[in-house]
Protein backbone atom coordinates (compact mmCIF):
# COMPACT_ATOMS: atom_id res chain seq x y z
CA UNK A 1 45.14 95.73 2.59
CA UNK A 2 46.39 98.92 1.02
CA UNK A 3 45.76 99.90 -2.58
CA UNK A 4 48.27 101.35 -5.04
CA UNK A 5 48.41 102.09 -8.72
CA UNK A 6 50.66 99.71 -10.62
CA UNK A 7 53.91 101.55 -11.24
CA UNK A 8 56.13 98.59 -12.07
CA UNK A 9 56.46 96.26 -15.00
CA UNK A 10 54.81 92.83 -14.80
CA UNK A 11 56.89 90.22 -12.95
CA UNK A 12 58.81 92.93 -11.09
CA UNK A 13 59.46 90.52 -8.20
CA UNK A 14 61.23 88.13 -10.58
CA UNK A 15 63.45 90.97 -11.81
CA UNK A 16 64.13 92.08 -8.21
CA UNK A 17 66.04 88.85 -7.56
CA UNK A 18 68.73 89.98 -10.03
CA UNK A 19 68.88 93.45 -8.46
CA UNK A 20 69.26 92.46 -4.80
CA UNK A 21 72.95 93.41 -4.71
CA UNK A 22 71.99 96.99 -5.65
CA UNK A 23 69.63 97.52 -2.70
CA UNK A 24 70.34 100.94 -1.17
CA UNK A 25 68.37 100.24 2.00
CA UNK A 26 69.84 98.43 4.97
CA UNK A 27 67.15 96.09 6.26
CA UNK A 28 64.11 94.30 4.86
CA UNK A 29 62.98 97.10 2.53
CA UNK A 30 64.17 97.08 -1.09
CA UNK A 31 64.94 100.41 -2.75
CA UNK A 32 67.28 101.42 -5.56
CA UNK A 33 67.66 104.69 -7.43
CA UNK A 34 66.47 104.51 -11.04
CA UNK A 35 64.84 101.14 -10.43
CA UNK A 36 64.51 99.55 -13.91
CA UNK A 37 61.26 97.83 -12.84
CA UNK A 38 59.41 101.15 -12.62
CA UNK A 39 57.58 102.28 -15.76
CA UNK A 40 57.93 105.84 -17.14
CA UNK A 41 54.42 106.70 -15.97
CA UNK A 42 55.15 104.95 -12.68
CA UNK A 43 58.25 107.09 -12.13
CA UNK A 44 56.15 110.26 -12.46
CA UNK A 45 53.38 108.88 -10.21
CA UNK A 46 55.91 107.88 -7.54
CA UNK A 47 57.90 111.11 -7.65
CA UNK A 48 54.82 113.12 -6.70
CA UNK A 49 53.31 110.32 -4.55
CA UNK A 50 50.31 110.08 -6.85
CA UNK A 51 50.56 106.28 -6.73
CA UNK A 52 49.52 106.52 -3.09
CA UNK A 53 46.41 108.62 -3.76
CA UNK A 54 44.21 105.56 -4.29
CA UNK A 55 44.86 104.69 -0.65
CA UNK A 56 42.29 107.34 0.28
CA UNK A 57 39.82 104.51 -0.39
CA UNK A 58 41.43 102.57 2.47
CA UNK A 59 41.25 105.66 4.71
CA UNK A 60 37.54 106.12 3.95
CA UNK A 61 36.90 102.41 4.60
CA UNK A 62 38.69 102.71 7.96
CA UNK A 63 41.52 100.33 7.05
CA UNK A 64 44.11 103.11 7.17
CA UNK A 65 44.62 106.43 8.90
CA UNK A 66 45.68 109.65 7.21
CA UNK A 67 48.82 109.67 9.38
CA UNK A 68 50.76 106.70 10.72
CA UNK A 69 53.56 104.31 9.83
CA UNK A 70 53.55 103.13 6.22
CA UNK A 71 51.90 99.75 5.62
CA UNK A 72 54.37 96.88 5.54
CA UNK A 73 54.62 94.47 2.65
CA UNK A 74 54.37 90.75 3.41
CA UNK A 75 57.89 90.01 2.16
CA UNK A 76 59.22 92.94 4.15
CA UNK A 77 57.59 91.61 7.35
CA UNK A 78 59.64 88.43 7.18
CA UNK A 79 62.81 90.47 7.71
CA UNK A 80 61.58 92.48 10.70
CA UNK A 81 63.56 92.33 13.93
CA UNK A 82 61.42 91.83 17.02
CA UNK A 83 61.67 95.49 18.15
CA UNK A 84 60.67 96.71 14.66
CA UNK A 85 57.32 94.90 14.84
CA UNK A 86 56.04 97.52 17.29
CA UNK A 87 55.49 99.86 14.33
CA UNK A 88 52.64 97.51 13.38
CA UNK A 89 50.81 98.20 16.67
CA UNK A 90 48.96 101.18 15.20
CA UNK A 91 46.89 101.65 12.07
CA UNK A 92 49.06 102.32 9.01
CA UNK A 93 48.87 105.77 7.47
CA UNK A 94 48.78 107.40 4.08
CA UNK A 95 51.59 109.67 5.23
CA UNK A 96 53.85 109.63 8.25
CA UNK A 97 57.07 110.81 9.80
CA UNK A 98 59.32 109.01 7.29
CA UNK A 99 57.56 110.61 4.32
CA UNK A 100 58.11 114.15 5.62
CA UNK A 101 61.61 113.61 7.05
CA UNK A 102 63.50 113.37 3.79
CA UNK A 103 62.69 109.75 2.94
CA UNK A 104 65.18 109.86 0.08
CA UNK A 105 67.99 110.51 2.57
CA UNK A 106 67.09 107.71 5.00
CA UNK A 107 68.68 104.49 3.80
CA UNK A 108 68.64 102.38 6.95
CA UNK A 109 65.39 100.68 7.89
CA UNK A 110 66.27 101.01 11.60
CA UNK A 111 66.20 104.81 11.22
CA UNK A 112 62.84 104.62 9.45
CA UNK A 113 61.42 102.46 12.25
CA UNK A 114 62.83 104.78 14.93
CA UNK A 115 60.90 107.66 13.33
CA UNK A 116 57.74 105.54 13.41
CA UNK A 117 58.26 104.54 17.05
CA UNK A 118 58.92 108.14 18.05
CA UNK A 119 55.64 109.04 16.33
CA UNK A 120 53.79 106.24 18.18
CA UNK A 121 55.28 107.19 21.55
CA UNK A 122 54.52 110.90 21.12
CA UNK A 123 51.25 110.71 19.20
CA UNK A 124 48.90 113.67 19.44
CA UNK A 125 46.34 115.28 17.18
CA UNK A 126 48.72 118.24 16.89
CA UNK A 127 51.52 115.95 15.67
CA UNK A 128 49.20 114.49 13.01
CA UNK A 129 48.26 118.00 11.87
CA UNK A 130 51.96 118.99 11.65
CA UNK A 131 52.75 115.90 9.57
CA UNK A 132 49.76 116.54 7.28
CA UNK A 133 50.92 120.11 6.66
CA UNK A 134 54.49 118.94 5.98
CA UNK A 135 53.16 116.31 3.56
CA UNK A 136 51.85 118.84 1.05
CA UNK A 137 55.19 120.50 0.19
CA UNK A 138 57.01 117.15 0.42
CA UNK A 139 54.65 115.60 -2.14
CA UNK A 140 54.62 118.65 -4.44
CA UNK A 141 58.41 118.92 -4.46
CA UNK A 142 58.83 115.23 -5.21
CA UNK A 143 60.98 114.66 -2.11
CA UNK A 144 58.60 112.84 0.15
CA UNK A 145 55.34 111.17 0.97
């Protein structure tokens, strides 16, 4: 289980049904620019990835790593292709390759998963350190993490 601050209005999943035709992601992940379900405070928290900061609790508990593929939502998992499930073979991370690779420019879930699989296949402590250092400017600029 990963923790997050609430950044959306109550019953956001009910509203999502009416927005499905506006999904900008190809694949099981739902993402739209200027999502009306996100609160004003939530928009600020998300822009600078502050909504993710509570996940440090999960890192301390050992449920998450600092670096790794993002945790998958249960609804999202239902849409995974068989080859995409391999991204679940490692502990999820607070940050990862997608977050520091211009996440706002990647709109196909296959490309997101390919970044995760490349990370898994080439994992090293050095790679984690590089991703951690790239995370800081990505989060501060509001373009990633």
